[in-house]
Amino acid sequence: LYKVLRAEMVRLNTEKNSYDHLLPMRFGDRLFKPGSTHKDVVALRARLGLTHNPDFGAENFYDDSLAAAVMAFQKTHNLKADGVIGPKTRSL
């Protein structure tokens, strides 16, 4: 069990480090809601493994597909799955 847990810890640390170039995302202290635009939406989309679809707006537009991914992330982390990026979502 120890070896399995240790291997998982190494995997998770490696995965986290692979996103370091996308951090920090600076949405500020305000609540960031779907339909908004921000330069860090590009990094958020990459962090969640999504690609931009120009049919849904500009690359920095927080669209419905990104909101769905944020809600899934929030649900996984036992947060209110509303798609709004607030302090609790940013802290993860």
Protein backbone atom coordinates (compact mmCIF):
# COMPACT_ATOMS: atom_id res chain seq x y z
CA LEU A 1 0.00 0.00 0.00
CA TYR A 2 2.85 2.37 0.85
CA LYS A 3 4.46 1.90 -2.58
CA VAL A 4 1.15 2.55 -4.34
CA LEU A 5 0.50 5.72 -2.33
CA ARG A 6 4.05 6.95 -2.88
CA ALA A 7 3.79 6.37 -6.63
CA GLU A 8 0.49 8.27 -6.72
CA MET A 9 2.02 11.15 -4.77
CA VAL A 10 4.89 11.37 -7.26
CA ARG A 11 2.43 11.26 -10.17
CA LEU A 12 0.30 14.04 -8.70
CA ASN A 13 3.31 16.24 -7.97
CA THR A 14 4.59 15.72 -11.50
CA GLU A 15 1.16 16.51 -12.94
CA LYS A 16 0.90 19.68 -10.84
CA ASN A 17 4.37 20.81 -11.95
CA SER A 18 3.45 20.35 -15.60
CA TYR A 19 0.99 23.25 -15.22
CA ASP A 20 3.37 25.66 -13.50
CA HIS A 21 3.82 27.67 -16.70
CA LEU A 22 0.07 28.38 -16.63
CA LEU A 23 0.12 29.75 -13.10
CA PRO A 24 -0.64 31.99 -11.42
CA MET A 25 -3.96 32.92 -12.90
CA ARG A 26 -4.92 36.38 -11.73
CA PHE A 27 -8.64 36.75 -11.95
CA GLY A 28 -8.42 39.16 -9.05
CA ASP A 29 -10.51 39.25 -5.91
CA ARG A 30 -13.80 39.53 -7.75
CA LEU A 31 -16.06 36.68 -8.74
CA PHE A 32 -15.34 35.62 -12.30
CA LYS A 33 -18.49 34.48 -14.06
CA PRO A 34 -19.29 32.79 -17.38
CA GLY A 35 -19.77 35.36 -20.11
CA SER A 36 -16.83 37.45 -18.88
CA THR A 37 -13.51 38.00 -20.61
CA HIS A 38 -10.03 37.92 -19.10
CA LYS A 39 -6.54 37.23 -20.40
CA ASP A 40 -6.15 34.24 -18.03
CA VAL A 41 -9.11 32.38 -19.55
CA VAL A 42 -6.59 30.95 -22.02
CA ALA A 43 -4.53 29.49 -19.16
CA LEU A 44 -7.64 28.23 -17.37
CA ARG A 45 -8.81 26.44 -20.49
CA ALA A 46 -5.38 24.80 -20.91
CA ARG A 47 -5.26 23.81 -17.22
CA LEU A 48 -8.62 22.06 -17.58
CA GLY A 49 -7.54 20.34 -20.79
CA LEU A 50 -9.88 22.19 -23.14
CA THR A 51 -9.22 23.68 -26.53
CA HIS A 52 -10.65 26.95 -27.77
CA ASN A 53 -13.49 26.82 -30.26
CA PRO A 54 -13.68 30.15 -32.13
CA ASP A 55 -17.38 29.52 -32.83
CA PHE A 56 -18.07 30.29 -29.16
CA GLY A 57 -16.25 33.63 -29.03
CA ALA A 58 -12.83 35.12 -28.49
CA GLU A 59 -10.06 33.07 -26.96
CA ASN A 60 -10.28 35.04 -23.70
CA PHE A 61 -14.09 34.60 -23.40
CA TYR A 62 -15.38 32.42 -20.55
CA ASP A 63 -17.82 30.33 -22.59
CA ASP A 64 -20.31 27.60 -21.68
CA SER A 65 -17.94 24.72 -22.39
CA LEU A 66 -15.35 26.20 -20.04
CA ALA A 67 -18.04 26.84 -17.43
CA ALA A 68 -19.07 23.17 -17.63
CA ALA A 69 -15.45 22.11 -17.04
CA VAL A 70 -15.15 24.51 -14.09
CA MET A 71 -18.38 23.11 -12.63
CA ALA A 72 -17.03 19.55 -12.95
CA PHE A 73 -13.82 20.68 -11.22
CA GLN A 74 -15.82 22.32 -8.44
CA LYS A 75 -17.98 19.24 -7.97
CA THR A 76 -14.89 17.01 -7.79
CA HIS A 77 -13.54 19.24 -5.01
CA ASN A 78 -16.82 19.36 -3.07
CA LEU A 79 -17.50 23.00 -3.90
CA LYS A 80 -20.75 24.55 -5.05
CA ALA A 81 -20.75 23.69 -8.76
CA ASP A 82 -21.93 27.03 -10.13
CA GLY A 83 -19.14 27.79 -12.63
CA VAL A 84 -18.29 30.99 -10.80
CA ILE A 85 -14.59 31.29 -10.00
CA GLY A 86 -14.37 32.71 -6.51
CA PRO A 87 -11.84 32.47 -3.67
CA LYS A 88 -12.50 28.80 -2.89
CA THR A 89 -12.14 27.69 -6.51
CA ARG A 90 -9.00 29.80 -6.97
CA SER A 91 -7.44 28.32 -3.84
CA LEU A 92 -7.29 24.86 -5.42
